[in-house]
């Protein structure tokens, strides 16, 4: 009885440790360095290092803001939706950027 309990505990502990140590899909999604390169085309309309508005809003501290200009909370999902569909003078980038480029861009925006 003790042997089976010990084996069950050991197996459960190993499974738990392996799950805890796996990085989440969102954590390893995108490369901020590559995203900075993608952002070069965005920088025509958006500032990344100041709060000054260009044609579009400044994106410095985007994910730390309470809300975006459209009134939505700046979550990854909402920012991705805006990048994909565009709006208010901004083109839709869903067909212009690959999924990897969009992931990289969002990773970069999170560093601002």
PDB file of N, CA and C in Angstrom:
ATOM      1  N   UNK A   1       0.822  -1.190   0.000  1.00  0.00           N
ATOM      2  CA  UNK A   1       0.000   0.000   0.000  1.00  0.00           C
ATOM      3  C   UNK A   1       0.867   1.255   0.000  1.00  0.00           C
ATOM      4  N   UNK A   2       1.865   1.297   0.856  1.00  0.00           N
ATOM      5  CA  UNK A   2       2.733   2.465   0.917  1.00  0.00           C
ATOM      6  C   UNK A   2       3.486   2.655  -0.396  1.00  0.00           C
ATOM      7  N   UNK A   3       3.890   1.542  -0.996  1.00  0.00           N
ATOM      8  CA  UNK A   3       4.652   1.600  -2.231  1.00  0.00           C
ATOM      9  C   UNK A   3       3.815   2.210  -3.361  1.00  0.00           C
ATOM     10  N   UNK A   4       2.553   1.797  -3.483  1.00  0.00           N
ATOM     11  CA  UNK A   4       1.697   2.335  -4.546  1.00  0.00           C
ATOM     12  C   UNK A   4       1.375   3.807  -4.299  1.00  0.00           C
ATOM     13  N   UNK A   5       1.182   4.194  -3.054  1.00  0.00           N
ATOM     14  CA  UNK A   5       0.918   5.591  -2.718  1.00  0.00           C
ATOM     15  C   UNK A   5       2.123   6.447  -3.066  1.00  0.00           C
ATOM     16  N   UNK A   6       3.305   5.962  -2.753  1.00  0.00           N
ATOM     17  CA  UNK A   6       4.532   6.682  -3.049  1.00  0.00           C
ATOM     18  C   UNK A   6       4.725   6.819  -4.559  1.00  0.00           C
ATOM     19  N   UNK A   7       4.454   5.757  -5.301  1.00  0.00           N
ATOM     20  CA  UNK A   7       4.577   5.797  -6.759  1.00  0.00           C
ATOM     21  C   UNK A   7       3.576   6.780  -7.362  1.00  0.00           C
ATOM     22  N   UNK A   8       2.351   6.770  -6.874  1.00  0.00           N
ATOM     23  CA  UNK A   8       1.325   7.689  -7.361  1.00  0.00           C
ATOM     24  C   UNK A   8       1.723   9.130  -7.073  1.00  0.00           C
ATOM     25  N   UNK A   9       2.192   9.375  -5.860  1.00  0.00           N
ATOM     26  CA  UNK A   9       2.630  10.717  -5.488  1.00  0.00           C
ATOM     27  C   UNK A   9       3.781  11.171  -6.375  1.00  0.00           C
ATOM     28  N   UNK A  10       4.755  10.277  -6.596  1.00  0.00           N
ATOM     29  CA  UNK A  10       5.917  10.615  -7.425  1.00  0.00           C
ATOM     30  C   UNK A  10       5.511  10.918  -8.857  1.00  0.00           C
ATOM     31  N   UNK A  11       4.641  10.104  -9.426  1.00  0.00           N
ATOM     32  CA  UNK A  11       4.186  10.316 -10.804  1.00  0.00           C
ATOM     33  C   UNK A  11       3.402  11.616 -10.919  1.00  0.00           C
ATOM     34  N   UNK A  12       2.539  11.874  -9.949  1.00  0.00           N
ATOM     35  CA  UNK A  12       1.754  13.110  -9.952  1.00  0.00           C
ATOM     36  C   UNK A  12       2.662  14.326  -9.827  1.00  0.00           C
ATOM     37  N   UNK A  13       3.655  14.233  -8.977  1.00  0.00           N
ATOM     38  CA  UNK A  13       4.598  15.345  -8.796  1.00  0.00           C
ATOM     39  C   UNK A  13       5.364  15.618 -10.075  1.00  0.00           C
ATOM     40  N   UNK A  14       5.823  14.587 -10.742  1.00  0.00           N
ATOM     41  CA  UNK A  14       6.563  14.762 -12.002  1.00  0.00           C
ATOM     42  C   UNK A  14       5.679  15.383 -13.071  1.00  0.00           C
ATOM     43  N   UNK A  15       4.435  14.943 -13.169  1.00  0.00           N
ATOM     44  CA  UNK A  15       3.523  15.516 -14.153  1.00  0.00           C
ATOM     45  C   UNK A  15       3.267  16.990 -13.854  1.00  0.00           C
ATOM     46  N   UNK A  16       3.076  17.305 -12.591  1.00  0.00           N
ATOM     47  CA  UNK A  16       2.837  18.694 -12.202  1.00  0.00           C
ATOM     48  C   UNK A  16       4.047  19.553 -12.508  1.00  0.00           C
ATOM     49  N   UNK A  17       5.232  19.081 -12.169  1.00  0.00           N
ATOM     50  CA  UNK A  17       6.451  19.841 -12.442  1.00  0.00           C
ATOM     51  C   UNK A  17       6.644  20.055 -13.933  1.00  0.00           C
ATOM     52  N   UNK A  18       6.380  19.037 -14.732  1.00  0.00           N
ATOM     53  CA  UNK A  18       6.573  19.196 -16.171  1.00  0.00           C
ATOM     54  C   UNK A  18       5.586  20.204 -16.736  1.00  0.00           C
ATOM     55  N   UNK A  19       4.356  20.241 -16.224  1.00  0.00           N
ATOM     56  CA  UNK A  19       3.384  21.215 -16.705  1.00  0.00           C
ATOM     57  C   UNK A  19       3.742  22.621 -16.276  1.00  0.00           C
ATOM     58  N   UNK A  20       4.239  22.773 -15.067  1.00  0.00           N
ATOM     59  CA  UNK A  20       4.603  24.088 -14.552  1.00  0.00           C
ATOM     60  C   UNK A  20       5.799  24.651 -15.304  1.00  0.00           C
ATOM     61  N   UNK A  21       6.720  23.808 -15.698  1.00  0.00           N
ATOM     62  CA  UNK A  21       7.942  24.304 -16.320  1.00  0.00           C
ATOM     63  C   UNK A  21       7.797  24.584 -17.809  1.00  0.00           C
ATOM     64  N   UNK A  22       6.677  24.134 -18.419  1.00  0.00           N
ATOM     65  CA  UNK A  22       6.479  24.404 -19.831  1.00  0.00           C
ATOM     66  C   UNK A  22       6.101  25.860 -20.025  1.00  0.00           C
ATOM     67  N   UNK A  23       6.750  26.564 -20.976  1.00  0.00           N
ATOM     68  CA  UNK A  23       6.354  27.944 -21.227  1.00  0.00           C
ATOM     69  C   UNK A  23       4.996  27.972 -21.901  1.00  0.00           C
ATOM     70  N   UNK A  24       4.219  28.980 -21.596  1.00  0.00           N
ATOM     71  CA  UNK A  24       2.919  29.087 -22.238  1.00  0.00           C
ATOM     72  C   UNK A  24       3.099  29.502 -23.686  1.00  0.00           C
ATOM     73  N   UNK A  25       2.125  29.187 -24.502  1.00  0.00           N
ATOM     74  CA  UNK A  25       2.206  29.516 -25.926  1.00  0.00           C
ATOM     75  C   UNK A  25       2.312  31.025 -26.111  1.00  0.00           C
ATOM     76  N   UNK A  26       1.597  31.790 -25.283  1.00  0.00           N
ATOM     77  CA  UNK A  26       1.629  33.248 -25.419  1.00  0.00           C
ATOM     78  C   UNK A  26       2.977  33.818 -25.022  1.00  0.00           C
ATOM     79  N   UNK A  27       3.651  33.170 -24.074  1.00  0.00           N
ATOM     80  CA  UNK A  27       4.916  33.695 -23.571  1.00  0.00           C
ATOM     81  C   UNK A  27       6.012  33.637 -24.626  1.00  0.00           C
ATOM     82  N   UNK A  28       5.991  32.608 -25.467  1.00  0.00           N
ATOM     83  CA  UNK A  28       7.061  32.486 -26.449  1.00  0.00           C
ATOM     84  C   UNK A  28       6.601  32.891 -27.841  1.00  0.00           C
ATOM     85  N   UNK A  29       5.461  33.558 -27.948  1.00  0.00           N
ATOM     86  CA  UNK A  29       4.917  33.967 -29.224  1.00  0.00           C
ATOM     87  C   UNK A  29       5.501  35.314 -29.615  1.00  0.00           C
ATOM     88  N   UNK A  30       6.211  35.355 -30.714  1.00  0.00           N
ATOM     89  CA  UNK A  30       6.740  36.612 -31.218  1.00  0.00           C
ATOM     90  C   UNK A  30       8.139  36.923 -30.737  1.00  0.00           C
ATOM     91  N   UNK A  31       8.852  37.656 -31.567  1.00  0.00           N
ATOM     92  CA  UNK A  31      10.227  38.087 -31.305  1.00  0.00           C
ATOM     93  C   UNK A  31      10.241  39.605 -31.359  1.00  0.00           C
ATOM     94  N   UNK A  32      10.449  40.235 -30.211  1.00  0.00           N
ATOM     95  CA  UNK A  32      10.396  41.697 -30.125  1.00  0.00           C
ATOM     96  C   UNK A  32      11.438  42.369 -31.021  1.00  0.00           C
ATOM     97  N   UNK A  33      12.619  41.757 -31.154  1.00  0.00           N
ATOM     98  CA  UNK A  33      13.648  42.328 -32.019  1.00  0.00           C
ATOM     99  C   UNK A  33      13.202  42.380 -33.469  1.00  0.00           C
ATOM    100  N   UNK A  34      12.590  41.304 -33.921  1.00  0.00           N
ATOM    101  CA  UNK A  34      12.066  41.275 -35.294  1.00  0.00           C
ATOM    102  C   UNK A  34      10.852  42.187 -35.413  1.00  0.00           C
ATOM    103  N   UNK A  35      10.088  42.284 -34.326  1.00  0.00           N
ATOM    104  CA  UNK A  35       8.922  43.158 -34.322  1.00  0.00           C
ATOM    105  C   UNK A  35       9.299  44.623 -34.458  1.00  0.00           C
ATOM    106  N   UNK A  36      10.452  44.979 -33.926  1.00  0.00           N
ATOM    107  CA  UNK A  36      10.935  46.364 -34.066  1.00  0.00           C
ATOM    108  C   UNK A  36      11.176  46.678 -35.533  1.00  0.00           C
ATOM    109  N   UNK A  37      11.680  45.701 -36.278  1.00  0.00           N
ATOM    110  CA  UNK A  37      11.883  45.885 -37.720  1.00  0.00           C
ATOM    111  C   UNK A  37      10.548  46.045 -38.434  1.00  0.00           C
ATOM    112  N   UNK A  38       9.559  45.248 -38.055  1.00  0.00           N
ATOM    113  CA  UNK A  38       8.229  45.358 -38.651  1.00  0.00           C
ATOM    114  C   UNK A  38       7.643  46.735 -38.342  1.00  0.00           C
ATOM    115  N   UNK A  39       7.893  47.227 -37.132  1.00  0.00           N
ATOM    116  CA  UNK A  39       7.338  48.510 -36.699  1.00  0.00           C
ATOM    117  C   UNK A  39       7.850  49.680 -37.537  1.00  0.00           C
ATOM    118  N   UNK A  40       8.951  49.526 -38.228  1.00  0.00           N
ATOM    119  CA  UNK A  40       9.481  50.631 -39.048  1.00  0.00           C
ATOM    120  C   UNK A  40       8.418  51.171 -40.000  1.00  0.00           C
ATOM    121  N   UNK A  41       7.607  50.294 -40.577  1.00  0.00           N
ATOM    122  CA  UNK A  41       6.556  50.774 -41.478  1.00  0.00           C
ATOM    123  C   UNK A  41       5.421  51.446 -40.708  1.00  0.00           C
ATOM    124  N   UNK A  42       5.255  51.107 -39.446  1.00  0.00           N
ATOM    125  CA  UNK A  42       4.229  51.729 -38.602  1.00  0.00           C
ATOM    126  C   UNK A  42       4.681  53.113 -38.129  1.00  0.00           C
ATOM    127  N   UNK A  43       6.005  53.287 -38.033  1.00  0.00           N
ATOM    128  CA  UNK A  43       6.563  54.519 -37.468  1.00  0.00           C
ATOM    129  C   UNK A  43       6.305  55.735 -38.350  1.00  0.00           C
ATOM    130  N   UNK A  44       5.843  55.534 -39.558  1.00  0.00           N
ATOM    131  CA  UNK A  44       5.457  56.657 -40.404  1.00  0.00           C
ATOM    132  C   UNK A  44       4.292  57.404 -39.748  1.00  0.00           C
ATOM    133  N   UNK A  45       3.409  56.652 -39.097  1.00  0.00           N
ATOM    134  CA  UNK A  45       2.221  57.247 -38.479  1.00  0.00           C
ATOM    135  C   UNK A  45       2.210  57.215 -36.951  1.00  0.00           C
ATOM    136  N   UNK A  46       3.056  56.376 -36.343  1.00  0.00           N
ATOM    137  CA  UNK A  46       3.021  56.197 -34.887  1.00  0.00           C
ATOM    138  C   UNK A  46       4.401  56.397 -34.265  1.00  0.00           C
ATOM    139  N   UNK A  47       4.439  57.126 -33.142  1.00  0.00           N
ATOM    140  CA  UNK A  47       5.656  57.238 -32.337  1.00  0.00           C
ATOM    141  C   UNK A  47       5.725  56.071 -31.369  1.00  0.00           C
ATOM    142  N   UNK A  48       6.924  55.569 -31.153  1.00  0.00           N
ATOM    143  CA  UNK A  48       7.119  54.487 -30.194  1.00  0.00           C
ATOM    144  C   UNK A  48       7.846  54.967 -28.941  1.00  0.00           C
ATOM    145  N   UNK A  49       8.548  56.084 -29.051  1.00  0.00           N
ATOM    146  CA  UNK A  49       9.402  56.517 -27.940  1.00  0.00           C
ATOM    147  C   UNK A  49       8.964  57.829 -27.294  1.00  0.00           C
ATOM    148  N   UNK A  50       7.869  58.402 -27.759  1.00  0.00           N
ATOM    149  CA  UNK A  50       7.318  59.613 -27.128  1.00  0.00           C
ATOM    150  C   UNK A  50       5.796  59.469 -27.056  1.00  0.00           C
ATOM    151  N   UNK A  51       5.180  60.383 -26.349  1.00  0.00           N
ATOM    152  CA  UNK A  51       3.719  60.406 -26.266  1.00  0.00           C
ATOM    153  C   UNK A  51       3.104  61.307 -27.327  1.00  0.00           C
ATOM    154  N   UNK A  52       3.953  61.860 -28.203  1.00  0.00           N
ATOM    155  CA  UNK A  52       3.469  62.758 -29.246  1.00  0.00           C
ATOM    156  C   UNK A  52       2.734  61.997 -30.328  1.00  0.00           C
ATOM    157  N   UNK A  53       1.577  62.513 -30.685  1.00  0.00           N
ATOM    158  CA  UNK A  53       0.787  61.914 -31.746  1.00  0.00           C
ATOM    159  C   UNK A  53       1.368  62.317 -33.096  1.00  0.00           C
ATOM    160  N   UNK A  54       1.414  61.383 -34.022  1.00  0.00           N
ATOM    161  CA  UNK A  54       1.721  61.687 -35.426  1.00  0.00           C
ATOM    162  C   UNK A  54       0.371  61.647 -36.132  1.00  0.00           C
ATOM    163  N   UNK A  55       0.288  60.981 -37.253  1.00  0.00           N
ATOM    164  CA  UNK A  55      -1.010  60.791 -37.912  1.00  0.00           C
ATOM    165  C   UNK A  55      -1.895  59.880 -37.057  1.00  0.00           C
ATOM    166  N   UNK A  56      -1.265  58.894 -36.421  1.00  0.00           N
ATOM    167  CA  UNK A  56      -1.961  57.988 -35.517  1.00  0.00           C
ATOM    168  C   UNK A  56      -1.473  58.220 -34.099  1.00  0.00           C
ATOM    169  N   UNK A  57      -2.081  57.566 -33.143  1.00  0.00           N
ATOM    170  CA  UNK A  57      -1.688  57.776 -31.745  1.00  0.00           C
ATOM    171  C   UNK A  57      -0.284  57.257 -31.440  1.00  0.00           C
ATOM    172  N   UNK A  58       0.341  57.867 -30.442  1.00  0.00           N
ATOM    173  CA  UNK A  58       1.639  57.381 -29.957  1.00  0.00           C
ATOM    174  C   UNK A  58       1.415  56.024 -29.300  1.00  0.00           C
ATOM    175  N   UNK A  59       2.365  55.129 -29.457  1.00  0.00           N
ATOM    176  CA  UNK A  59       2.211  53.780 -28.925  1.00  0.00           C
ATOM    177  C   UNK A  59       3.122  53.488 -27.744  1.00  0.00           C
ATOM    178  N   UNK A  60       3.833  54.507 -27.287  1.00  0.00           N
ATOM    179  CA  UNK A  60       4.670  54.336 -26.103  1.00  0.00           C
ATOM    180  C   UNK A  60       3.796  53.929 -24.925  1.00  0.00           C
ATOM    181  N   UNK A  61       4.151  52.847 -24.265  1.00  0.00           N
ATOM    182  CA  UNK A  61       3.396  52.377 -23.114  1.00  0.00           C
ATOM    183  C   UNK A  61       2.012  51.854 -23.452  1.00  0.00           C
ATOM    184  N   UNK A  62       1.811  51.421 -24.685  1.00  0.00           N
ATOM    185  CA  UNK A  62       0.491  50.995 -25.150  1.00  0.00           C
ATOM    186  C   UNK A  62      -0.176  50.003 -24.208  1.00  0.00           C
ATOM    187  N   UNK A  63       0.523  48.944 -23.824  1.00  0.00           N
ATOM    188  CA  UNK A  63      -0.094  47.909 -23.007  1.00  0.00           C
ATOM    189  C   UNK A  63      -0.218  48.310 -21.535  1.00  0.00           C
ATOM    190  N   UNK A  64       0.289  49.488 -21.181  1.00  0.00           N
ATOM    191  CA  UNK A  64       0.151  49.991 -19.810  1.00  0.00           C
ATOM    192  C   UNK A  64      -0.996  50.998 -19.694  1.00  0.00           C
ATOM    193  N   UNK A  65      -1.541  51.387 -20.838  1.00  0.00           N
ATOM    194  CA  UNK A  65      -2.613  52.383 -20.838  1.00  0.00           C
ATOM    195  C   UNK A  65      -3.928  51.760 -20.402  1.00  0.00           C
ATOM    196  N   UNK A  66      -4.800  52.598 -19.891  1.00  0.00           N
ATOM    197  CA  UNK A  66      -6.128  52.145 -19.464  1.00  0.00           C
ATOM    198  C   UNK A  66      -6.971  51.738 -20.662  1.00  0.00           C
ATOM    199  N   UNK A  67      -6.912  52.560 -21.731  1.00  0.00           N
ATOM    200  CA  UNK A  67      -7.672  52.236 -22.940  1.00  0.00           C
ATOM    201  C   UNK A  67      -7.006  52.841 -24.164  1.00  0.00           C
ATOM    202  N   UNK A  68      -7.356  52.286 -25.304  1.00  0.00           N
ATOM    203  CA  UNK A  68      -6.850  52.794 -26.574  1.00  0.00           C
ATOM    204  C   UNK A  68      -7.801  53.884 -27.067  1.00  0.00           C
ATOM    205  N   UNK A  69      -7.461  54.535 -28.170  1.00  0.00           N
ATOM    206  CA  UNK A  69      -8.308  55.603 -28.701  1.00  0.00           C
ATOM    207  C   UNK A  69      -9.709  55.118 -29.041  1.00  0.00           C
ATOM    208  N   UNK A  70      -9.832  53.848 -29.403  1.00  0.00           N
ATOM    209  CA  UNK A  70     -11.151  53.314 -29.743  1.00  0.00           C
ATOM    210  C   UNK A  70     -11.963  52.960 -28.494  1.00  0.00           C
ATOM    211  N   UNK A  71     -11.403  53.219 -27.309  1.00  0.00           N
ATOM    212  CA  UNK A  71     -12.099  52.974 -26.058  1.00  0.00           C
ATOM    213  C   UNK A  71     -11.908  51.583 -25.487  1.00  0.00           C
ATOM    214  N   UNK A  72     -11.268  50.707 -26.248  1.00  0.00           N
ATOM    215  CA  UNK A  72     -11.061  49.337 -25.776  1.00  0.00           C
ATOM    216  C   UNK A  72      -9.804  49.239 -24.932  1.00  0.00           C
ATOM    217  N   UNK A  73      -9.802  48.271 -24.034  1.00  0.00           N
ATOM    218  CA  UNK A  73      -8.631  47.989 -23.209  1.00  0.00           C
ATOM    219  C   UNK A  73      -7.526  47.435 -24.123  1.00  0.00           C
ATOM    220  N   UNK A  74      -6.284  47.867 -23.945  1.00  0.00           N
ATOM    221  CA  UNK A  74      -5.201  47.395 -24.806  1.00  0.00           C
ATOM    222  C   UNK A  74      -4.715  45.984 -24.447  1.00  0.00           C
ATOM    223  N   UNK A  75      -5.561  45.001 -24.703  1.00  0.00           N
ATOM    224  CA  UNK A  75      -5.168  43.607 -24.520  1.00  0.00           C
ATOM    225  C   UNK A  75      -4.525  43.128 -25.818  1.00  0.00           C
ATOM    226  N   UNK A  76      -3.826  42.020 -25.739  1.00  0.00           N
ATOM    227  CA  UNK A  76      -3.218  41.478 -26.959  1.00  0.00           C
ATOM    228  C   UNK A  76      -4.290  41.211 -28.015  1.00  0.00           C
ATOM    229  N   UNK A  77      -5.410  40.679 -27.592  1.00  0.00           N
ATOM    230  CA  UNK A  77      -6.501  40.374 -28.529  1.00  0.00           C
ATOM    231  C   UNK A  77      -7.029  41.634 -29.211  1.00  0.00           C
ATOM    232  N   UNK A  78      -7.246  42.710 -28.445  1.00  0.00           N
ATOM    233  CA  UNK A  78      -7.770  43.952 -29.016  1.00  0.00           C
ATOM    234  C   UNK A  78      -6.763  44.637 -29.924  1.00  0.00           C
ATOM    235  N   UNK A  79      -5.490  44.624 -29.536  1.00  0.00           N
ATOM    236  CA  UNK A  79      -4.451  45.239 -30.364  1.00  0.00           C
ATOM    237  C   UNK A  79      -4.309  44.442 -31.661  1.00  0.00           C
ATOM    238  N   UNK A  80      -4.314  43.127 -31.550  1.00  0.00           N
ATOM    239  CA  UNK A  80      -4.221  42.276 -32.744  1.00  0.00           C
ATOM    240  C   UNK A  80      -5.406  42.542 -33.679  1.00  0.00           C
ATOM    241  N   UNK A  81      -6.591  42.689 -33.112  1.00  0.00           N
ATOM    242  CA  UNK A  81      -7.776  42.972 -33.921  1.00  0.00           C
ATOM    243  C   UNK A  81      -7.650  44.285 -34.669  1.00  0.00           C
ATOM    244  N   UNK A  82      -7.121  45.298 -34.004  1.00  0.00           N
ATOM    245  CA  UNK A  82      -6.922  46.599 -34.636  1.00  0.00           C
ATOM    246  C   UNK A  82      -5.881  46.524 -35.747  1.00  0.00           C
ATOM    247  N   UNK A  83      -4.790  45.805 -35.500  1.00  0.00           N
ATOM    248  CA  UNK A  83      -3.761  45.626 -36.531  1.00  0.00           C
ATOM    249  C   UNK A  83      -4.360  44.897 -37.732  1.00  0.00           C
ATOM    250  N   UNK A  84      -5.119  43.850 -37.467  1.00  0.00           N
ATOM    251  CA  UNK A  84      -5.697  43.050 -38.545  1.00  0.00           C
ATOM    252  C   UNK A  84      -6.712  43.818 -39.379  1.00  0.00           C
ATOM    253  N   UNK A  85      -7.620  44.542 -38.715  1.00  0.00           N
ATOM    254  CA  UNK A  85      -8.722  45.175 -39.443  1.00  0.00           C
ATOM    255  C   UNK A  85      -8.502  46.647 -39.766  1.00  0.00           C
ATOM    256  N   UNK A  86      -7.536  47.289 -39.090  1.00  0.00           N
ATOM    257  CA  UNK A  86      -7.295  48.708 -39.334  1.00  0.00           C
ATOM    258  C   UNK A  86      -8.479  49.542 -38.881  1.00  0.00           C
ATOM    259  N   UNK A  87      -8.622  50.699 -39.487  1.00  0.00           N
ATOM    260  CA  UNK A  87      -9.753  51.576 -39.173  1.00  0.00           C
ATOM    261  C   UNK A  87      -9.295  52.975 -38.867  1.00  0.00           C
ATOM    262  N   UNK A  88     -10.191  53.930 -39.067  1.00  0.00           N
ATOM    263  CA  UNK A  88      -9.908  55.334 -38.791  1.00  0.00           C
ATOM    264  C   UNK A  88      -8.656  55.823 -39.520  1.00  0.00           C
ATOM    265  N   UNK A  89      -8.535  55.438 -40.780  1.00  0.00           N
ATOM    266  CA  UNK A  89      -7.397  55.863 -41.596  1.00  0.00           C
ATOM    267  C   UNK A  89      -6.248  54.874 -41.619  1.00  0.00           C
ATOM    268  N   UNK A  90      -6.235  53.920 -40.708  1.00  0.00           N
ATOM    269  CA  UNK A  90      -5.167  52.911 -40.670  1.00  0.00           C
ATOM    270  C   UNK A  90      -5.571  51.724 -41.552  1.00  0.00           C
ATOM    271  N   UNK A  91      -4.672  51.296 -42.431  1.00  0.00           N
ATOM    272  CA  UNK A  91      -5.010  50.147 -43.274  1.00  0.00           C
ATOM    273  C   UNK A  91      -5.063  48.856 -42.469  1.00  0.00           C
ATOM    274  N   UNK A  92      -5.771  47.887 -42.994  1.00  0.00           N
ATOM    275  CA  UNK A  92      -5.818  46.549 -42.392  1.00  0.00           C
ATOM    276  C   UNK A  92      -4.524  45.826 -42.756  1.00  0.00           C
ATOM    277  N   UNK A  93      -3.874  45.261 -41.755  1.00  0.00           N
ATOM    278  CA  UNK A  93      -2.596  44.581 -41.990  1.00  0.00           C
ATOM    279  C   UNK A  93      -2.709  43.058 -41.987  1.00  0.00           C
ATOM    280  N   UNK A  94      -3.932  42.535 -41.880  1.00  0.00           N
ATOM    281  CA  UNK A  94      -4.102  41.086 -41.844  1.00  0.00           C
ATOM    282  C   UNK A  94      -3.550  40.422 -43.107  1.00  0.00           C
ATOM    283  N   UNK A  95      -3.730  41.055 -44.245  1.00  0.00           N
ATOM    284  CA  UNK A  95      -3.235  40.505 -45.510  1.00  0.00           C
ATOM    285  C   UNK A  95      -1.856  41.053 -45.882  1.00  0.00           C
ATOM    286  N   UNK A  96      -1.435  42.124 -45.219  1.00  0.00           N
ATOM    287  CA  UNK A  96      -0.154  42.753 -45.549  1.00  0.00           C
ATOM    288  C   UNK A  96       1.014  42.188 -44.752  1.00  0.00           C
ATOM    289  N   UNK A  97       0.732  41.689 -43.549  1.00  0.00           N
ATOM    290  CA  UNK A  97       1.765  41.104 -42.695  1.00  0.00           C
ATOM    291  C   UNK A  97       1.437  39.634 -42.460  1.00  0.00           C
ATOM    292  N   UNK A  98       2.465  38.816 -42.385  1.00  0.00           N
ATOM    293  CA  UNK A  98       2.252  37.407 -42.067  1.00  0.00           C
ATOM    294  C   UNK A  98       1.851  37.286 -40.591  1.00  0.00           C
ATOM    295  N   UNK A  99       1.326  36.133 -40.219  1.00  0.00           N
ATOM    296  CA  UNK A  99       0.964  35.894 -38.812  1.00  0.00           C
ATOM    297  C   UNK A  99       2.197  36.039 -37.931  1.00  0.00           C
ATOM    298  N   UNK A 100       3.343  35.559 -38.397  1.00  0.00           N
ATOM    299  CA  UNK A 100       4.585  35.678 -37.624  1.00  0.00           C
ATOM    300  C   UNK A 100       4.991  37.139 -37.459  1.00  0.00           C
ATOM    301  N   UNK A 101       4.866  37.934 -38.512  1.00  0.00           N
ATOM    302  CA  UNK A 101       5.198  39.359 -38.414  1.00  0.00           C
ATOM    303  C   UNK A 101       4.273  40.068 -37.428  1.00  0.00           C
ATOM    304  N   UNK A 102       3.003  39.711 -37.444  1.00  0.00           N
ATOM    305  CA  UNK A 102       2.061  40.327 -36.495  1.00  0.00           C
ATOM    306  C   UNK A 102       2.384  39.907 -35.066  1.00  0.00           C
ATOM    307  N   UNK A 103       2.754  38.632 -34.862  1.00  0.00           N
ATOM    308  CA  UNK A 103       3.171  38.169 -33.528  1.00  0.00           C
ATOM    309  C   UNK A 103       4.401  38.937 -33.063  1.00  0.00           C
ATOM    310  N   UNK A 104       5.361  39.112 -33.966  1.00  0.00           N
ATOM    311  CA  UNK A 104       6.585  39.846 -33.639  1.00  0.00           C
ATOM    312  C   UNK A 104       6.280  41.302 -33.313  1.00  0.00           C
ATOM    313  N   UNK A 105       5.398  41.906 -34.082  1.00  0.00           N
ATOM    314  CA  UNK A 105       5.017  43.307 -33.847  1.00  0.00           C
ATOM    315  C   UNK A 105       4.393  43.460 -32.469  1.00  0.00           C
ATOM    316  N   UNK A 106       3.496  42.575 -32.110  1.00  0.00           N
ATOM    317  CA  UNK A 106       2.848  42.657 -30.798  1.00  0.00           C
ATOM    318  C   UNK A 106       3.878  42.448 -29.685  1.00  0.00           C
ATOM    319  N   UNK A 107       4.807  41.528 -29.893  1.00  0.00           N
ATOM    320  CA  UNK A 107       5.874  41.315 -28.889  1.00  0.00           C
ATOM    321  C   UNK A 107       6.670  42.607 -28.708  1.00  0.00           C
ATOM    322  N   UNK A 108       6.945  43.318 -29.802  1.00  0.00           N
ATOM    323  CA  UNK A 108       7.671  44.591 -29.713  1.00  0.00           C
ATOM    324  C   UNK A 108       6.823  45.654 -29.002  1.00  0.00           C
ATOM    325  N   UNK A 109       5.553  45.747 -29.368  1.00  0.00           N
ATOM    326  CA  UNK A 109       4.683  46.754 -28.748  1.00  0.00           C
ATOM    327  C   UNK A 109       4.598  46.564 -27.238  1.00  0.00           C
ATOM    328  N   UNK A 110       4.704  45.330 -26.792  1.00  0.00           N
ATOM    329  CA  UNK A 110       4.675  45.060 -25.350  1.00  0.00           C
ATOM    330  C   UNK A 110       5.908  45.586 -24.636  1.00  0.00           C
ATOM    331  N   UNK A 111       6.984  45.847 -25.379  1.00  0.00           N
ATOM    332  CA  UNK A 111       8.216  46.363 -24.759  1.00  0.00           C
ATOM    333  C   UNK A 111       8.215  47.871 -24.629  1.00  0.00           C
ATOM    334  N   UNK A 112       7.278  48.533 -25.277  1.00  0.00           N
ATOM    335  CA  UNK A 112       7.278  50.011 -25.285  1.00  0.00           C
ATOM    336  C   UNK A 112       6.806  50.590 -23.966  1.00  0.00           C
TER     337      UNK A 112
END
